Amino acid sequence: MERMFANAFKYFRNKAGLTQVLVARKAGLDQSEISRLEGGYHWPSFKTTRRVCNAIGITEKIFFCYLAHDLLSWPSEVWDAIREDDESHLQN
């Protein structure tokens, strides 16, 4: 899931024609934080997501719709595996 966030952040940043340094500056974050987000190294908080979206010039709704679209394109085998994993956790 972190990779999905990473890809989305990078996609929208590139689409806006911004560098990591500019996004970091506009969002009030360190450039290393943007690098970690785009590297998929950690899950961003909603506050961080909001700050980055604002810096890039998109709404959180657009960002999360993009993620939802990505999720919906996953093959059914992935969803079956997720469902099986959820069911096994509920039984324990």
PDB file of N, CA and C in Angstrom:
ATOM      1  N   MET A   1       0.821  -1.191   0.000  1.00  0.00           N
ATOM      2  CA  MET A   1       0.000   0.000   0.000  1.00  0.00           C
ATOM      3  C   MET A   1       0.871   1.264   0.000  1.00  0.00           C
ATOM      4  N   GLU A   2       1.992   1.206   0.731  1.00  0.00           N
ATOM      5  CA  GLU A   2       2.894   2.358   0.739  1.00  0.00           C
ATOM      6  C   GLU A   2       3.346   2.697  -0.678  1.00  0.00           C
ATOM      7  N   ARG A   3       3.538   1.647  -1.486  1.00  0.00           N
ATOM      8  CA  ARG A   3       3.983   1.848  -2.865  1.00  0.00           C
ATOM      9  C   ARG A   3       2.924   2.603  -3.661  1.00  0.00           C
ATOM     10  N   MET A   4       1.642   2.340  -3.400  1.00  0.00           N
ATOM     11  CA  MET A   4       0.580   3.059  -4.096  1.00  0.00           C
ATOM     12  C   MET A   4       0.631   4.549  -3.768  1.00  0.00           C
ATOM     13  N   PHE A   5       0.804   4.856  -2.471  1.00  0.00           N
ATOM     14  CA  PHE A   5       0.927   6.255  -2.074  1.00  0.00           C
ATOM     15  C   PHE A   5       2.139   6.876  -2.749  1.00  0.00           C
ATOM     16  N   ALA A   6       3.244   6.153  -2.737  1.00  0.00           N
ATOM     17  CA  ALA A   6       4.487   6.655  -3.334  1.00  0.00           C
ATOM     18  C   ALA A   6       4.291   6.986  -4.809  1.00  0.00           C
ATOM     19  N   ASN A   7       3.695   6.061  -5.544  1.00  0.00           N
ATOM     20  CA  ASN A   7       3.473   6.281  -6.967  1.00  0.00           C
ATOM     21  C   ASN A   7       2.541   7.461  -7.218  1.00  0.00           C
ATOM     22  N   ALA A   8       1.501   7.577  -6.397  1.00  0.00           N
ATOM     23  CA  ALA A   8       0.559   8.683  -6.565  1.00  0.00           C
ATOM     24  C   ALA A   8       1.216  10.026  -6.267  1.00  0.00           C
ATOM     25  N   PHE A   9       1.965  10.105  -5.168  1.00  0.00           N
ATOM     26  CA  PHE A   9       2.659  11.362  -4.845  1.00  0.00           C
ATOM     27  C   PHE A   9       3.590  11.764  -5.987  1.00  0.00           C
ATOM     28  N   LYS A  10       4.359  10.807  -6.455  1.00  0.00           N
ATOM     29  CA  LYS A  10       5.325  11.102  -7.515  1.00  0.00           C
ATOM     30  C   LYS A  10       4.622  11.497  -8.815  1.00  0.00           C
ATOM     31  N   TYR A  11       3.549  10.789  -9.149  1.00  0.00           N
ATOM     32  CA  TYR A  11       2.793  11.099 -10.357  1.00  0.00           C
ATOM     33  C   TYR A  11       2.293  12.543 -10.329  1.00  0.00           C
ATOM     34  N   PHE A  12       1.625  12.930  -9.238  1.00  0.00           N
ATOM     35  CA  PHE A  12       1.056  14.274  -9.165  1.00  0.00           C
ATOM     36  C   PHE A  12       2.139  15.351  -9.049  1.00  0.00           C
ATOM     37  N   ARG A  13       3.227  15.048  -8.368  1.00  0.00           N
ATOM     38  CA  ARG A  13       4.326  16.021  -8.270  1.00  0.00           C
ATOM     39  C   ARG A  13       4.921  16.264  -9.656  1.00  0.00           C
ATOM     40  N   ASN A  14       5.185  15.196 -10.384  1.00  0.00           N
ATOM     41  CA  ASN A  14       5.731  15.340 -11.737  1.00  0.00           C
ATOM     42  C   ASN A  14       4.754  16.052 -12.666  1.00  0.00           C
ATOM     43  N   LYS A  15       3.472  15.716 -12.543  1.00  0.00           N
ATOM     44  CA  LYS A  15       2.448  16.351 -13.373  1.00  0.00           C
ATOM     45  C   LYS A  15       2.401  17.859 -13.116  1.00  0.00           C
ATOM     46  N   ALA A  16       2.653  18.259 -11.864  1.00  0.00           N
ATOM     47  CA  ALA A  16       2.664  19.680 -11.505  1.00  0.00           C
ATOM     48  C   ALA A  16       3.978  20.355 -11.887  1.00  0.00           C
ATOM     49  N   GLY A  17       4.967  19.549 -12.295  1.00  0.00           N
ATOM     50  CA  GLY A  17       6.258  20.110 -12.683  1.00  0.00           C
ATOM     51  C   GLY A  17       7.068  20.622 -11.500  1.00  0.00           C
ATOM     52  N   LEU A  18       6.891  19.982 -10.351  1.00  0.00           N
ATOM     53  CA  LEU A  18       7.574  20.406  -9.129  1.00  0.00           C
ATOM     54  C   LEU A  18       8.665  19.420  -8.728  1.00  0.00           C
ATOM     55  N   THR A  19       9.701  19.935  -8.115  1.00  0.00           N
ATOM     56  CA  THR A  19      10.750  19.082  -7.559  1.00  0.00           C
ATOM     57  C   THR A  19      10.363  18.691  -6.143  1.00  0.00           C
ATOM     58  N   GLN A  20      11.046  17.692  -5.629  1.00  0.00           N
ATOM     59  CA  GLN A  20      10.823  17.306  -4.235  1.00  0.00           C
ATOM     60  C   GLN A  20      11.129  18.460  -3.295  1.00  0.00           C
ATOM     61  N   VAL A  21      12.162  19.214  -3.611  1.00  0.00           N
ATOM     62  CA  VAL A  21      12.554  20.349  -2.765  1.00  0.00           C
ATOM     63  C   VAL A  21      11.438  21.390  -2.716  1.00  0.00           C
ATOM     64  N   LEU A  22      10.854  21.710  -3.863  1.00  0.00           N
ATOM     65  CA  LEU A  22       9.766  22.702  -3.889  1.00  0.00           C
ATOM     66  C   LEU A  22       8.533  22.215  -3.143  1.00  0.00           C
ATOM     67  N   VAL A  23       8.180  20.951  -3.333  1.00  0.00           N
ATOM     68  CA  VAL A  23       7.021  20.395  -2.618  1.00  0.00           C
ATOM     69  C   VAL A  23       7.283  20.427  -1.119  1.00  0.00           C
ATOM     70  N   ALA A  24       8.472  20.025  -0.715  1.00  0.00           N
ATOM     71  CA  ALA A  24       8.817  20.023   0.708  1.00  0.00           C
ATOM     72  C   ALA A  24       8.709  21.428   1.285  1.00  0.00           C
ATOM     73  N   ARG A  25       9.258  22.389   0.584  1.00  0.00           N
ATOM     74  CA  ARG A  25       9.223  23.776   1.047  1.00  0.00           C
ATOM     75  C   ARG A  25       7.780  24.261   1.185  1.00  0.00           C
ATOM     76  N   LYS A  26       6.957  24.004   0.166  1.00  0.00           N
ATOM     77  CA  LYS A  26       5.560  24.448   0.183  1.00  0.00           C
ATOM     78  C   LYS A  26       4.749  23.727   1.258  1.00  0.00           C
ATOM     79  N   ALA A  27       5.122  22.481   1.542  1.00  0.00           N
ATOM     80  CA  ALA A  27       4.390  21.684   2.531  1.00  0.00           C
ATOM     81  C   ALA A  27       4.923  21.865   3.948  1.00  0.00           C
ATOM     82  N   GLY A  28       6.056  22.555   4.067  1.00  0.00           N
ATOM     83  CA  GLY A  28       6.656  22.727   5.389  1.00  0.00           C
ATOM     84  C   GLY A  28       7.291  21.452   5.920  1.00  0.00           C
ATOM     85  N   LEU A  29       7.818  20.646   5.005  1.00  0.00           N
ATOM     86  CA  LEU A  29       8.454  19.375   5.371  1.00  0.00           C
ATOM     87  C   LEU A  29       9.897  19.376   4.889  1.00  0.00           C
ATOM     88  N   ASP A  30      10.678  18.438   5.387  1.00  0.00           N
ATOM     89  CA  ASP A  30      12.039  18.256   4.885  1.00  0.00           C
ATOM     90  C   ASP A  30      11.968  17.519   3.547  1.00  0.00           C
ATOM     91  N   GLN A  31      12.917  17.801   2.681  1.00  0.00           N
ATOM     92  CA  GLN A  31      12.974  17.109   1.398  1.00  0.00           C
ATOM     93  C   GLN A  31      13.122  15.606   1.611  1.00  0.00           C
ATOM     94  N   SER A  32      13.815  15.216   2.678  1.00  0.00           N
ATOM     95  CA  SER A  32      13.990  13.789   2.956  1.00  0.00           C
ATOM     96  C   SER A  32      12.647  13.102   3.232  1.00  0.00           C
ATOM     97  N   GLU A  33      11.699  13.842   3.801  1.00  0.00           N
ATOM     98  CA  GLU A  33      10.360  13.295   4.054  1.00  0.00           C
ATOM     99  C   GLU A  33       9.650  13.004   2.723  1.00  0.00           C
ATOM    100  N   ILE A  34       9.762  13.919   1.784  1.00  0.00           N
ATOM    101  CA  ILE A  34       9.159  13.710   0.460  1.00  0.00           C
ATOM    102  C   ILE A  34       9.837  12.526  -0.226  1.00  0.00           C
ATOM    103  N   SER A  35      11.144  12.437  -0.108  1.00  0.00           N
ATOM    104  CA  SER A  35      11.888  11.326  -0.697  1.00  0.00           C
ATOM    105  C   SER A  35      11.434   9.996  -0.108  1.00  0.00           C
ATOM    106  N   ARG A  36      11.243   9.946   1.210  1.00  0.00           N
ATOM    107  CA  ARG A  36      10.779   8.705   1.858  1.00  0.00           C
ATOM    108  C   ARG A  36       9.358   8.358   1.404  1.00  0.00           C
ATOM    109  N   LEU A  37       8.504   9.376   1.264  1.00  0.00           N
ATOM    110  CA  LEU A  37       7.137   9.119   0.793  1.00  0.00           C
ATOM    111  C   LEU A  37       7.152   8.534  -0.613  1.00  0.00           C
ATOM    112  N   GLU A  38       7.937   9.156  -1.488  1.00  0.00           N
ATOM    113  CA  GLU A  38       7.982   8.682  -2.869  1.00  0.00           C
ATOM    114  C   GLU A  38       8.752   7.373  -3.011  1.00  0.00           C
ATOM    115  N   GLY A  39       9.547   7.054  -2.033  1.00  0.00           N
ATOM    116  CA  GLY A  39      10.254   5.780  -2.044  1.00  0.00           C
ATOM    117  C   GLY A  39       9.421   4.645  -1.486  1.00  0.00           C
ATOM    118  N   GLY A  40       8.272   4.985  -0.904  1.00  0.00           N
ATOM    119  CA  GLY A  40       7.385   3.971  -0.336  1.00  0.00           C
ATOM    120  C   GLY A  40       7.898   3.397   0.972  1.00  0.00           C
ATOM    121  N   TYR A  41       8.683   4.196   1.711  1.00  0.00           N
ATOM    122  CA  TYR A  41       9.310   3.694   2.925  1.00  0.00           C
ATOM    123  C   TYR A  41       8.449   3.801   4.172  1.00  0.00           C
ATOM    124  N   HIS A  42       7.390   4.582   4.107  1.00  0.00           N
ATOM    125  CA  HIS A  42       6.480   4.622   5.247  1.00  0.00           C
ATOM    126  C   HIS A  42       5.108   5.111   4.822  1.00  0.00           C
ATOM    127  N   TRP A  43       4.151   4.858   5.670  1.00  0.00           N
ATOM    128  CA  TRP A  43       2.762   5.216   5.441  1.00  0.00           C
ATOM    129  C   TRP A  43       2.570   6.647   5.928  1.00  0.00           C
ATOM    130  N   PRO A  44       2.102   7.558   5.069  1.00  0.00           N
ATOM    131  CA  PRO A  44       1.934   8.941   5.502  1.00  0.00           C
ATOM    132  C   PRO A  44       0.685   9.133   6.359  1.00  0.00           C
ATOM    133  N   SER A  45       0.766  10.063   7.297  1.00  0.00           N
ATOM    134  CA  SER A  45      -0.421  10.418   8.063  1.00  0.00           C
ATOM    135  C   SER A  45      -1.356  11.211   7.160  1.00  0.00           C
ATOM    136  N   PHE A  46      -2.606  11.359   7.580  1.00  0.00           N
ATOM    137  CA  PHE A  46      -3.535  12.156   6.787  1.00  0.00           C
ATOM    138  C   PHE A  46      -3.078  13.615   6.752  1.00  0.00           C
ATOM    139  N   LYS A  47      -2.539  14.089   7.868  1.00  0.00           N
ATOM    140  CA  LYS A  47      -2.046  15.471   7.922  1.00  0.00           C
ATOM    141  C   LYS A  47      -0.930  15.684   6.893  1.00  0.00           C
ATOM    142  N   THR A  48       0.000  14.758   6.817  1.00  0.00           N
ATOM    143  CA  THR A  48       1.087  14.854   5.840  1.00  0.00           C
ATOM    144  C   THR A  48       0.539  14.762   4.427  1.00  0.00           C
ATOM    145  N   THR A  49      -0.399  13.845   4.199  1.00  0.00           N
ATOM    146  CA  THR A  49      -1.016  13.710   2.884  1.00  0.00           C
ATOM    147  C   THR A  49      -1.676  15.024   2.481  1.00  0.00           C
ATOM    148  N   ARG A  50      -2.397  15.631   3.394  1.00  0.00           N
ATOM    149  CA  ARG A  50      -3.062  16.910   3.121  1.00  0.00           C
ATOM    150  C   ARG A  50      -2.040  17.987   2.765  1.00  0.00           C
ATOM    151  N   ARG A  51      -0.969  18.058   3.529  1.00  0.00           N
ATOM    152  CA  ARG A  51       0.052  19.082   3.287  1.00  0.00           C
ATOM    153  C   ARG A  51       0.707  18.898   1.921  1.00  0.00           C
ATOM    154  N   VAL A  52       1.012  17.657   1.574  1.00  0.00           N
ATOM    155  CA  VAL A  52       1.645  17.388   0.279  1.00  0.00           C
ATOM    156  C   VAL A  52       0.663  17.676  -0.858  1.00  0.00           C
ATOM    157  N   CYS A  53      -0.580  17.263  -0.710  1.00  0.00           N
ATOM    158  CA  CYS A  53      -1.586  17.543  -1.743  1.00  0.00           C
ATOM    159  C   CYS A  53      -1.728  19.052  -1.954  1.00  0.00           C
ATOM    160  N   ASN A  54      -1.816  19.797  -0.870  1.00  0.00           N
ATOM    161  CA  ASN A  54      -1.916  21.254  -0.992  1.00  0.00           C
ATOM    162  C   ASN A  54      -0.697  21.835  -1.685  1.00  0.00           C
ATOM    163  N   ALA A  55       0.478  21.335  -1.355  1.00  0.00           N
ATOM    164  CA  ALA A  55       1.713  21.829  -1.966  1.00  0.00           C
ATOM    165  C   ALA A  55       1.754  21.526  -3.459  1.00  0.00           C
ATOM    166  N   ILE A  56       1.211  20.379  -3.843  1.00  0.00           N
ATOM    167  CA  ILE A  56       1.204  19.977  -5.247  1.00  0.00           C
ATOM    168  C   ILE A  56       0.093  20.693  -6.018  1.00  0.00           C
ATOM    169  N   GLY A  57      -0.943  21.106  -5.290  1.00  0.00           N
ATOM    170  CA  GLY A  57      -2.043  21.816  -5.938  1.00  0.00           C
ATOM    171  C   GLY A  57      -3.219  20.940  -6.299  1.00  0.00           C
ATOM    172  N   ILE A  58      -3.412  19.857  -5.544  1.00  0.00           N
ATOM    173  CA  ILE A  58      -4.573  18.991  -5.746  1.00  0.00           C
ATOM    174  C   ILE A  58      -5.306  18.842  -4.422  1.00  0.00           C
ATOM    175  N   THR A  59      -6.556  18.422  -4.502  1.00  0.00           N
ATOM    176  CA  THR A  59      -7.316  18.164  -3.285  1.00  0.00           C
ATOM    177  C   THR A  59      -7.065  16.731  -2.816  1.00  0.00           C
ATOM    178  N   GLU A  60      -7.335  16.494  -1.558  1.00  0.00           N
ATOM    179  CA  GLU A  60      -7.210  15.121  -1.053  1.00  0.00           C
ATOM    180  C   GLU A  60      -8.198  14.207  -1.778  1.00  0.00           C
ATOM    181  N   LYS A  61      -9.360  14.747  -2.140  1.00  0.00           N
ATOM    182  CA  LYS A  61     -10.363  13.944  -2.842  1.00  0.00           C
ATOM    183  C   LYS A  61      -9.792  13.419  -4.167  1.00  0.00           C
ATOM    184  N   ILE A  62      -9.139  14.286  -4.919  1.00  0.00           N
ATOM    185  CA  ILE A  62      -8.522  13.860  -6.187  1.00  0.00           C
ATOM    186  C   ILE A  62      -7.469  12.791  -5.914  1.00  0.00           C
ATOM    187  N   PHE A  63      -6.652  13.025  -4.883  1.00  0.00           N
ATOM    188  CA  PHE A  63      -5.586  12.086  -4.542  1.00  0.00           C
ATOM    189  C   PHE A  63      -6.170  10.719  -4.207  1.00  0.00           C
ATOM    190  N   PHE A  64      -7.179  10.690  -3.331  1.00  0.00           N
ATOM    191  CA  PHE A  64      -7.741   9.409  -2.905  1.00  0.00           C
ATOM    192  C   PHE A  64      -8.574   8.756  -4.008  1.00  0.00           C
ATOM    193  N   CYS A  65      -9.180   9.535  -4.883  1.00  0.00           N
ATOM    194  CA  CYS A  65      -9.871   8.954  -6.047  1.00  0.00           C
ATOM    195  C   CYS A  65      -8.867   8.270  -6.965  1.00  0.00           C
ATOM    196  N   TYR A  66      -7.702   8.889  -7.133  1.00  0.00           N
ATOM    197  CA  TYR A  66      -6.646   8.280  -7.935  1.00  0.00           C
ATOM    198  C   TYR A  66      -6.223   6.947  -7.322  1.00  0.00           C
ATOM    199  N   LEU A  67      -6.065   6.927  -5.989  1.00  0.00           N
ATOM    200  CA  LEU A  67      -5.699   5.674  -5.307  1.00  0.00           C
ATOM    201  C   LEU A  67      -6.793   4.628  -5.461  1.00  0.00           C
ATOM    202  N   ALA A  68      -8.051   5.049  -5.320  1.00  0.00           N
ATOM    203  CA  ALA A  68      -9.171   4.114  -5.445  1.00  0.00           C
ATOM    204  C   ALA A  68      -9.208   3.513  -6.844  1.00  0.00           C
ATOM    205  N   HIS A  69      -8.979   4.334  -7.843  1.00  0.00           N
ATOM    206  CA  HIS A  69      -8.949   3.838  -9.219  1.00  0.00           C
ATOM    207  C   HIS A  69      -7.855   2.781  -9.378  1.00  0.00           C
ATOM    208  N   ASP A  70      -6.698   3.059  -8.768  1.00  0.00           N
ATOM    209  CA  ASP A  70      -5.590   2.101  -8.818  1.00  0.00           C
ATOM    210  C   ASP A  70      -5.988   0.795  -8.129  1.00  0.00           C
ATOM    211  N   LEU A  71      -6.627   0.908  -6.975  1.00  0.00           N
ATOM    212  CA  LEU A  71      -7.068  -0.288  -6.248  1.00  0.00           C
ATOM    213  C   LEU A  71      -8.061  -1.114  -7.061  1.00  0.00           C
ATOM    214  N   LEU A  72      -8.986  -0.425  -7.713  1.00  0.00           N
ATOM    215  CA  LEU A  72     -10.018  -1.127  -8.474  1.00  0.00           C
ATOM    216  C   LEU A  72      -9.466  -1.863  -9.685  1.00  0.00           C
ATOM    217  N   SER A  73      -8.288  -1.485 -10.113  1.00  0.00           N
ATOM    218  CA  SER A  73      -7.697  -2.149 -11.279  1.00  0.00           C
ATOM    219  C   SER A  73      -6.897  -3.397 -10.908  1.00  0.00           C
ATOM    220  N   TRP A  74      -6.815  -3.705  -9.606  1.00  0.00           N
ATOM    221  CA  TRP A  74      -6.093  -4.910  -9.202  1.00  0.00           C
ATOM    222  C   TRP A  74      -6.842  -6.136  -9.701  1.00  0.00           C
ATOM    223  N   PRO A  75      -6.118  -7.187 -10.085  1.00  0.00           N
ATOM    224  CA  PRO A  75      -6.779  -8.407 -10.557  1.00  0.00           C
ATOM    225  C   PRO A  75      -7.568  -9.093  -9.441  1.00  0.00           C
ATOM    226  N   SER A  76      -8.557  -9.855  -9.826  1.00  0.00           N
ATOM    227  CA  SER A  76      -9.428 -10.505  -8.845  1.00  0.00           C
ATOM    228  C   SER A  76      -8.654 -11.450  -7.926  1.00  0.00           C
ATOM    229  N   GLU A  77      -7.545 -12.018  -8.407  1.00  0.00           N
ATOM    230  CA  GLU A  77      -6.746 -12.915  -7.565  1.00  0.00           C
ATOM    231  C   GLU A  77      -6.207 -12.181  -6.330  1.00  0.00           C
ATOM    232  N   VAL A  78      -5.853 -10.915  -6.516  1.00  0.00           N
ATOM    233  CA  VAL A  78      -5.351 -10.127  -5.382  1.00  0.00           C
ATOM    234  C   VAL A  78      -6.458  -9.933  -4.370  1.00  0.00           C
ATOM    235  N   TRP A  79      -7.650  -9.549  -4.849  1.00  0.00           N
ATOM    236  CA  TRP A  79      -8.775  -9.344  -3.936  1.00  0.00           C
ATOM    237  C   TRP A  79      -9.160 -10.637  -3.228  1.00  0.00           C
ATOM    238  N   ASP A  80      -9.089 -11.765  -3.930  1.00  0.00           N
ATOM    239  CA  ASP A  80      -9.380 -13.056  -3.299  1.00  0.00           C
ATOM    240  C   ASP A  80      -8.382 -13.347  -2.183  1.00  0.00           C
ATOM    241  N   ALA A  81      -7.106 -13.074  -2.422  1.00  0.00           N
ATOM    242  CA  ALA A  81      -6.075 -13.302  -1.406  1.00  0.00           C
ATOM    243  C   ALA A  81      -6.288 -12.393  -0.198  1.00  0.00           C
ATOM    244  N   ILE A  82      -6.665 -11.147  -0.439  1.00  0.00           N
ATOM    245  CA  ILE A  82      -6.933 -10.210   0.659  1.00  0.00           C
ATOM    246  C   ILE A  82      -8.118 -10.699   1.481  1.00  0.00           C
ATOM    247  N   ARG A  83      -9.182 -11.124   0.788  1.00  0.00           N
ATOM    248  CA  ARG A  83     -10.377 -11.606   1.477  1.00  0.00           C
ATOM    249  C   ARG A  83     -10.042 -12.843   2.310  1.00  0.00           C
ATOM    250  N   GLU A  84      -9.273 -13.767   1.747  1.00  0.00           N
ATOM    251  CA  GLU A  84      -8.882 -14.973   2.485  1.00  0.00           C
ATOM    252  C   GLU A  84      -8.052 -14.612   3.711  1.00  0.00           C
ATOM    253  N   ASP A  85      -7.154 -13.663   3.562  1.00  0.00           N
ATOM    254  CA  ASP A  85      -6.331 -13.224   4.684  1.00  0.00           C
ATOM    255  C   ASP A  85      -7.191 -12.597   5.781  1.00  0.00           C
ATOM    256  N   ASP A  86      -8.153 -11.760   5.378  1.00  0.00           N
ATOM    257  CA  ASP A  86      -9.064 -11.143   6.347  1.00  0.00           C
ATOM    258  C   ASP A  86      -9.875 -12.197   7.086  1.00  0.00           C
ATOM    259  N   GLU A  87     -10.392 -13.165   6.346  1.00  0.00           N
ATOM    260  CA  GLU A  87     -11.196 -14.219   6.954  1.00  0.00           C
ATOM    261  C   GLU A  87     -10.391 -15.044   7.937  1.00  0.00           C
ATOM    262  N   SER A  88      -9.126 -15.320   7.624  1.00  0.00           N
ATOM    263  CA  SER A  88      -8.296 -16.100   8.542  1.00  0.00           C
ATOM    264  C   SER A  88      -7.993 -15.308   9.808  1.00  0.00           C
ATOM    265  N   HIS A  89      -7.854 -13.989   9.702  1.00  0.00           N
ATOM    266  CA  HIS A  89      -7.637 -13.174  10.881  1.00  0.00           C
ATOM    267  C   HIS A  89      -8.880 -13.098  11.768  1.00  0.00           C
ATOM    268  N   LEU A  90     -10.042 -13.119  11.164  1.00  0.00           N
ATOM    269  CA  LEU A  90     -11.284 -13.064  11.935  1.00  0.00           C
ATOM    270  C   LEU A  90     -11.518 -14.368  12.703  1.00  0.00           C
ATOM    271  N   GLN A  91     -11.044 -15.471  12.153  1.00  0.00           N
ATOM    272  CA  GLN A  91     -11.244 -16.771  12.797  1.00  0.00           C
ATOM    273  C   GLN A  91     -10.302 -16.982  13.974  1.00  0.00           C
ATOM    274  N   ASN A  92      -9.199 -16.255  14.029  1.00  0.00           N
ATOM    275  CA  ASN A  92      -8.208 -16.423  15.116  1.00  0.00           C
ATOM    276  C   ASN A  92      -8.542 -15.622  16.315  1.00  0.00           C
TER     277      ASN A  92
END
